[in-house]
Amino acid sequence: MVDQASEPRRVLLVTHTGRDLAVEVARVAHRLLTDAGLVVRLLTEEFEAMKLEPVEIADDPAKAAQDVELIIVLGGDGSILRGAELARPHGTPVLGVNLGHVGFLAEAERDDLEQIVDVVVERSYTVEERMTLAVDVWHDDELIFDTWALNEASVEKAAREKMLEVMVEVDGRPLSRWGCDGVVVATPTGSTAYAFSAGGPIVWPEVEAILMVPLSAHALFSRPIVVAPTSQLSIELIAAWHGRGVLWCDGRRMVEVPPGAVIQVRRGKTPVRLARAHEASFTDRLVAKFDLPVLGWRGRAERDRNPDAELDRSSQEEI
C-alpha cells in the first residue's frame, strides 16, 4: 500500500502567459508554493514561456489535472474557464486569483496571493460544486456536435445583417417562436456573465436552475425564463429562414449551426468544483464585484446596539 503522507502534493498553475502581469504573478506564486514544499505543474506551452524551475511539465492537457490536488488559475474569468476545462474530467478543484476586471469566478485578488498560498498549504479551503450544462446539436436526426458549459451556451446569428428565427421548446413542448440575435442558456454560475449583460436575472449559485435569455428578440413574449434543473431546453433554427447560427459554450468552444438544426441543453452530469478560501456570502461578492451602493446600511450589529430604535419603527409601522 502506498503511504499517502509520503506522496508529494501537486498544484497545477495556469495563467495567461501573453500578459506580463500574469507572468510576474505566476513567478511569485511558483516561488511561494515551492518554498512551502508543494510541487508545481505547468502545461508545456506555459513552461516554455516562463521557464520556471523546479516544475513538473504536463505534455498532455487532457491529463494535466490528473493526480493534482488543486488548480490555481491566475487571470480573469476566461482563464478560470480554461482551468475548468482541464479540471472537470478529473474532479480537481479550481481556485482563481483575479488579474482581470470583474473576475466573478475568482476567489481572490492579486494582493491576496500570499494568503491564498497559506490557505492551500494548510488545506483550509472548502470546495463547492457548480452545475454545468450538457449541449447537443442535432441536424437531420444526426448528432453533429456535443459539448458542455459552466457559464452558458449561446446560439447567435452568424451574419451581422441577418436575424435568426428560432423555435424554443421546454421539455418537448413549444414555448414561442422569435426573430432574434440569439438565445443564451445559462447556469446560476453564468447568471452574472453573458446572461446578465443580456438582461437576465442574477441567480444565487446554490439555486439549481437553468436560465434562458433571448437576445434582442422581436416578440412581445421574449422575457428571460428560469426552469427546473431537470428540464431540457431546445432551440431550433427554422430551416425556411435560411439563417445560419453559431453556438458558443463559455466563449471557448464553438461550432457553426446550419438552418434546421436543433440545440438541446440540459443539466450536465459532471459538475465543476470551485475551491473557496473565504466565507464571504454571495451577497457580499455581488456588492464587491459590482461596487453596489450600500453606504448607510445600518445592519444587524447597529440594530443590536440600538434596539429601542427598532421598537420605535415597529410601533410606527403598526400605526
Protein backbone atom coordinates (compact mmCIF):
# COMPACT_ATOMS: atom_id res chain seq x y z
CA MET A 1 0.00 0.00 0.00
CA VAL A 2 1.27 3.48 -0.90
CA ASP A 3 1.83 5.78 2.05
CA GLN A 4 -0.34 8.80 1.15
CA ALA A 5 1.60 11.01 3.56
CA SER A 6 4.79 10.44 1.51
CA GLU A 7 3.14 11.40 -1.78
CA PRO A 8 4.07 14.91 -2.96
CA ARG A 9 1.33 17.48 -3.06
CA ARG A 10 0.89 18.82 -6.58
CA VAL A 11 -0.65 22.07 -7.78
CA LEU A 12 -1.31 22.86 -11.43
CA LEU A 13 -0.57 26.52 -12.09
CA VAL A 14 -2.48 28.04 -15.02
CA THR A 15 -2.02 31.57 -16.30
CA HIS A 16 -2.18 33.79 -19.39
CA THR A 17 1.45 33.98 -20.48
CA GLY A 18 0.62 36.65 -23.05
CA ARG A 19 0.24 39.20 -20.23
CA ASP A 20 3.32 40.50 -18.42
CA LEU A 21 1.38 40.94 -15.17
CA ALA A 22 0.20 37.32 -15.25
CA VAL A 23 3.74 36.04 -15.79
CA GLU A 24 5.03 38.21 -12.94
CA VAL A 25 2.36 36.92 -10.53
CA ALA A 26 2.94 33.33 -11.70
CA ARG A 27 6.64 33.62 -10.80
CA VAL A 28 5.73 34.80 -7.30
CA ALA A 29 3.13 32.04 -6.90
CA HIS A 30 5.62 29.42 -8.05
CA ARG A 31 8.20 30.62 -5.50
CA LEU A 32 5.70 30.66 -2.64
CA LEU A 33 4.35 27.19 -3.45
CA THR A 34 7.73 25.53 -3.94
CA ASP A 35 9.14 27.16 -0.80
CA ALA A 36 6.20 25.58 1.06
CA GLY A 37 7.15 22.15 -0.28
CA LEU A 38 4.47 21.76 -2.95
CA VAL A 39 5.20 20.51 -6.45
CA VAL A 40 4.14 22.92 -9.19
CA ARG A 41 2.99 21.54 -12.52
CA LEU A 42 2.80 23.60 -15.73
CA LEU A 43 1.41 22.98 -19.18
CA THR A 44 4.17 22.66 -21.78
CA GLU A 45 3.43 25.95 -23.54
CA GLU A 46 3.38 27.83 -20.25
CA PHE A 47 6.66 26.28 -19.16
CA GLU A 48 8.23 27.29 -22.48
CA ALA A 49 7.03 30.87 -21.95
CA MET A 50 8.14 31.21 -18.32
CA LYS A 51 11.00 28.70 -17.85
CA LEU A 52 10.23 28.22 -14.16
CA GLU A 53 12.22 25.66 -12.16
CA PRO A 54 11.63 23.32 -10.46
CA VAL A 55 8.38 22.17 -12.09
CA GLU A 56 6.60 19.15 -13.47
CA ILE A 57 5.68 19.55 -17.14
CA ALA A 58 2.33 18.29 -18.45
CA ASP A 59 2.70 17.37 -22.13
CA ASP A 60 -0.92 16.28 -22.48
CA PRO A 61 -3.51 18.92 -21.45
CA ALA A 62 -6.15 16.19 -21.05
CA LYS A 63 -4.06 14.68 -18.23
CA ALA A 64 -2.65 17.90 -16.77
CA ALA A 65 -5.00 17.84 -13.76
CA GLN A 66 -4.52 14.13 -13.05
CA ASP A 67 -3.15 13.42 -9.56
CA VAL A 68 -3.27 17.14 -8.79
CA GLU A 69 -4.69 18.43 -5.52
CA LEU A 70 -5.72 21.82 -6.87
CA ILE A 71 -5.59 24.04 -9.94
CA ILE A 72 -4.62 27.64 -9.20
CA VAL A 73 -5.59 29.96 -12.04
CA LEU A 74 -4.04 33.42 -12.29
CA GLY A 75 -6.15 35.62 -14.56
CA GLY A 76 -9.69 36.69 -15.35
CA ASP A 77 -12.83 34.63 -15.83
CA GLY A 78 -11.63 33.48 -19.27
CA SER A 79 -8.55 31.91 -17.74
CA ILE A 80 -10.63 30.34 -14.98
CA LEU A 81 -12.94 28.81 -17.58
CA ARG A 82 -9.84 27.39 -19.25
CA GLY A 83 -8.81 25.94 -15.91
CA ALA A 84 -12.28 24.42 -15.54
CA GLU A 85 -11.80 22.62 -18.88
CA LEU A 86 -8.66 20.98 -17.53
CA ALA A 87 -10.17 20.22 -14.12
CA ARG A 88 -13.65 18.89 -14.87
CA PRO A 89 -12.77 15.39 -16.19
CA HIS A 90 -10.72 14.69 -13.04
CA GLY A 91 -12.90 16.41 -10.43
CA THR A 92 -10.00 18.67 -9.46
CA PRO A 93 -10.98 21.87 -7.62
CA VAL A 94 -10.16 25.21 -9.25
CA LEU A 95 -9.10 28.28 -7.29
CA GLY A 96 -8.98 31.57 -9.19
CA VAL A 97 -6.86 34.63 -8.40
CA ASN A 98 -8.26 37.56 -10.33
CA LEU A 99 -5.95 39.54 -12.60
CA GLY A 100 -8.73 40.71 -14.89
CA HIS A 101 -11.64 43.11 -14.49
CA VAL A 102 -14.68 41.80 -12.61
CA GLY A 103 -13.39 38.25 -12.19
CA PHE A 104 -16.63 36.87 -10.80
CA LEU A 105 -15.38 33.29 -10.74
CA ALA A 106 -12.20 34.24 -8.89
CA GLU A 107 -11.84 33.63 -5.19
CA ALA A 108 -9.18 36.26 -4.50
CA GLU A 109 -7.43 39.32 -5.88
CA ARG A 110 -3.76 39.69 -6.74
CA ASP A 111 -2.93 41.30 -3.37
CA ASP A 112 -4.27 38.19 -1.58
CA LEU A 113 -1.76 35.82 -3.22
CA GLU A 114 0.34 35.09 -0.13
CA GLN A 115 -2.79 34.49 1.94
CA ILE A 116 -4.16 32.15 -0.74
CA VAL A 117 -0.94 30.13 -0.79
CA ASP A 118 -1.15 29.80 3.01
CA VAL A 119 -4.73 28.53 2.65
CA VAL A 120 -3.61 25.97 0.07
CA VAL A 121 -0.65 24.82 2.15
CA GLU A 122 -2.85 24.42 5.24
CA ARG A 123 -5.68 22.80 3.23
CA SER A 124 -8.10 25.24 4.87
CA TYR A 125 -10.12 25.87 1.72
CA THR A 126 -13.55 24.42 1.08
CA VAL A 127 -14.89 23.05 -2.19
CA GLU A 128 -18.31 23.65 -3.73
CA GLU A 129 -19.82 22.04 -6.81
CA ARG A 130 -21.28 24.15 -9.60
CA MET A 131 -23.76 22.65 -12.02
CA THR A 132 -22.89 22.51 -15.70
CA LEU A 133 -24.83 22.24 -18.95
CA ALA A 134 -24.73 19.40 -21.46
CA VAL A 135 -25.17 20.72 -25.00
CA ASP A 136 -26.04 18.68 -28.11
CA VAL A 137 -26.51 19.88 -31.69
CA TRP A 138 -28.73 17.76 -33.95
CA HIS A 139 -29.27 18.10 -37.70
CA ASP A 140 -31.35 15.74 -39.84
CA ASP A 141 -31.63 13.38 -36.84
CA GLU A 142 -27.84 13.19 -36.57
CA LEU A 143 -25.79 14.36 -33.60
CA ILE A 144 -23.22 16.70 -35.16
CA PHE A 145 -21.69 18.25 -32.02
CA ASP A 146 -21.78 17.80 -28.26
CA THR A 147 -20.04 19.72 -25.51
CA TRP A 148 -20.64 21.27 -22.08
CA ALA A 149 -20.65 24.67 -20.38
CA LEU A 150 -20.08 26.05 -16.90
CA ASN A 151 -21.40 29.56 -17.60
CA GLU A 152 -23.56 29.46 -20.69
CA ALA A 153 -24.34 28.13 -24.14
CA SER A 154 -25.24 30.91 -26.56
CA VAL A 155 -26.76 30.48 -30.00
CA GLU A 156 -26.07 33.61 -32.04
CA LYS A 157 -26.57 34.80 -35.60
CA ALA A 158 -23.58 34.15 -37.83
CA ALA A 159 -24.08 37.20 -40.04
CA ARG A 160 -24.47 40.69 -38.59
CA GLU A 161 -27.09 41.75 -41.13
CA LYS A 162 -29.34 38.70 -40.65
CA MET A 163 -31.54 37.66 -37.74
CA LEU A 164 -32.16 34.15 -36.55
CA GLU A 165 -35.66 32.70 -36.50
CA VAL A 166 -35.88 30.21 -33.65
CA MET A 167 -38.49 27.98 -32.04
CA VAL A 168 -37.91 27.37 -28.35
CA GLU A 169 -39.21 24.29 -26.56
CA VAL A 170 -39.23 23.36 -22.88
CA ASP A 171 -39.44 19.64 -22.08
CA GLY A 172 -40.60 18.83 -25.59
CA ARG A 173 -43.40 21.40 -25.62
CA PRO A 174 -43.28 24.55 -27.79
CA LEU A 175 -42.88 27.81 -25.87
CA SER A 176 -42.54 30.53 -28.51
CA ARG A 177 -41.02 31.50 -31.86
CA TRP A 178 -38.81 34.55 -32.21
CA GLY A 179 -36.81 36.52 -34.69
CA CYS A 180 -33.74 37.46 -32.67
CA ASP A 181 -30.00 37.92 -32.50
CA GLY A 182 -29.73 34.73 -30.49
CA VAL A 183 -30.53 32.93 -27.24
CA VAL A 184 -28.40 32.44 -24.12
CA VAL A 185 -28.93 29.40 -21.89
CA ALA A 186 -27.06 29.77 -18.61
CA THR A 187 -26.40 28.17 -15.25
CA PRO A 188 -26.70 30.12 -11.98
CA THR A 189 -22.91 30.46 -12.13
CA GLY A 190 -23.27 32.06 -15.55
CA SER A 191 -26.11 34.33 -14.49
CA THR A 192 -23.55 37.07 -13.72
CA ALA A 193 -21.83 36.71 -17.11
CA TYR A 194 -23.31 36.95 -20.64
CA ALA A 195 -26.86 36.30 -19.43
CA PHE A 196 -26.61 39.25 -17.04
CA SER A 197 -25.38 41.55 -19.82
CA ALA A 198 -28.35 40.44 -21.93
CA GLY A 199 -30.84 41.41 -19.21
CA GLY A 200 -31.21 38.12 -17.36
CA PRO A 201 -31.66 37.76 -13.59
CA ILE A 202 -28.87 37.11 -11.11
CA VAL A 203 -29.38 33.69 -9.54
CA TRP A 204 -27.61 32.62 -6.35
CA PRO A 205 -25.18 29.72 -7.01
CA GLU A 206 -26.97 27.44 -4.52
CA VAL A 207 -30.13 27.59 -6.64
CA GLU A 208 -30.31 24.72 -9.09
CA ALA A 209 -31.98 26.01 -12.25
CA ILE A 210 -31.44 26.72 -15.92
CA LEU A 211 -31.88 30.23 -17.33
CA MET A 212 -32.82 31.25 -20.85
CA VAL A 213 -32.38 34.83 -22.10
CA PRO A 214 -33.39 35.90 -25.62
CA LEU A 215 -31.06 38.36 -27.38
CA SER A 216 -32.85 41.33 -28.98
CA ALA A 217 -35.94 39.27 -29.77
CA HIS A 218 -38.68 40.77 -31.98
CA ALA A 219 -41.63 39.48 -29.96
CA LEU A 220 -43.95 40.58 -27.19
CA PHE A 221 -43.21 37.47 -25.13
CA SER A 222 -39.43 37.41 -25.02
CA ARG A 223 -38.62 37.69 -21.34
CA PRO A 224 -35.91 35.70 -19.56
CA ILE A 225 -37.23 32.48 -18.06
CA VAL A 226 -35.94 30.17 -15.33
CA VAL A 227 -36.76 26.46 -15.50
CA ALA A 228 -36.10 23.44 -13.30
CA PRO A 229 -32.68 21.77 -13.41
CA THR A 230 -34.43 18.64 -14.67
CA SER A 231 -35.84 20.45 -17.71
CA GLN A 232 -34.49 20.32 -21.24
CA LEU A 233 -34.44 23.39 -23.47
CA SER A 234 -34.44 23.05 -27.25
CA ILE A 235 -33.67 25.83 -29.70
CA GLU A 236 -34.49 25.10 -33.33
CA LEU A 237 -33.17 27.27 -36.14
CA ILE A 238 -36.14 27.48 -38.51
CA ALA A 239 -34.97 25.98 -41.80
CA ALA A 240 -37.15 28.22 -44.00
CA TRP A 241 -35.43 31.30 -42.58
CA HIS A 242 -32.05 30.27 -44.07
CA GLY A 243 -30.22 31.92 -41.21
CA ARG A 244 -27.03 30.25 -40.03
CA GLY A 245 -26.06 30.38 -36.40
CA VAL A 246 -23.01 29.94 -34.23
CA LEU A 247 -23.01 28.05 -30.94
CA TRP A 248 -20.55 29.25 -28.30
CA CYS A 249 -20.04 27.49 -24.97
CA ASP A 250 -18.30 29.58 -22.30
CA GLY A 251 -16.86 31.66 -25.13
CA ARG A 252 -14.30 28.88 -25.70
CA ARG A 253 -15.89 26.08 -27.73
CA MET A 254 -17.62 27.00 -30.99
CA VAL A 255 -19.42 25.31 -33.85
CA GLU A 256 -21.42 26.67 -36.79
CA VAL A 257 -25.08 25.67 -36.71
CA PRO A 258 -26.95 25.22 -40.03
CA PRO A 259 -30.63 26.09 -40.66
CA GLY A 260 -32.90 23.33 -39.38
CA ALA A 261 -30.52 22.32 -36.59
CA VAL A 262 -31.76 21.82 -33.03
CA ILE A 263 -29.63 22.72 -30.00
CA GLN A 264 -30.62 20.78 -26.89
CA VAL A 265 -29.46 21.96 -23.47
CA ARG A 266 -29.93 20.12 -20.19
CA ARG A 267 -28.13 19.74 -16.89
CA GLY A 268 -24.69 18.19 -17.22
CA LYS A 269 -23.79 15.05 -15.32
CA THR A 270 -20.35 16.30 -14.27
CA PRO A 271 -20.09 19.47 -12.17
CA VAL A 272 -17.14 21.82 -11.88
CA ARG A 273 -15.59 22.05 -8.41
CA LEU A 274 -14.53 25.51 -7.20
CA ALA A 275 -12.26 25.98 -4.20
CA ARG A 276 -13.27 28.67 -1.72
CA ALA A 277 -10.86 30.33 0.68
CA HIS A 278 -13.27 32.86 2.16
CA GLU A 279 -16.58 32.61 3.98
CA ALA A 280 -17.99 35.72 2.29
CA SER A 281 -21.61 35.36 1.20
CA PHE A 282 -22.69 35.66 -2.42
CA THR A 283 -24.39 38.95 -1.49
CA ASP A 284 -21.06 40.37 -0.35
CA ARG A 285 -19.43 39.13 -3.55
CA LEU A 286 -22.06 40.92 -5.63
CA VAL A 287 -21.55 44.15 -3.70
CA ALA A 288 -17.77 43.97 -4.08
CA LYS A 289 -17.63 42.95 -7.74
CA PHE A 290 -20.26 45.43 -8.95
CA ASP A 291 -19.36 48.14 -6.42
CA LEU A 292 -23.01 48.35 -5.34
CA PRO A 293 -24.11 51.34 -3.22
CA VAL A 294 -24.62 50.08 0.33
CA LEU A 295 -23.19 53.06 2.22
CA GLY A 296 -25.55 53.97 5.06
CA TRP A 297 -26.77 50.42 5.69
CA ARG A 298 -27.18 50.10 9.48
CA GLY A 299 -27.13 46.33 9.55
CA ARG A 300 -27.77 43.85 12.30
CA ALA A 301 -24.90 44.99 14.52
CA GLU A 302 -26.21 48.55 14.64
CA ARG A 303 -29.75 47.36 15.32
CA ASP A 304 -28.47 45.19 18.17
CA ARG A 305 -26.73 48.20 19.68
CA ASN A 306 -29.87 50.35 19.46
CA PRO A 307 -32.91 48.07 19.92
CA ASP A 308 -35.12 50.98 21.03
CA ALA A 309 -34.95 52.49 17.55
CA GLU A 310 -36.12 49.19 16.09
CA LEU A 311 -39.03 49.11 18.55
CA ASP A 312 -39.96 52.70 17.70
CA ARG A 313 -40.01 51.83 14.00
CA SER A 314 -42.15 48.73 14.62
CA SER A 315 -44.64 50.86 16.58
CA GLN A 316 -44.87 53.35 13.74
CA GLU A 317 -45.50 50.54 11.26
CA GLU A 318 -48.39 49.23 13.41
CA ILE A 319 -49.95 52.69 13.43
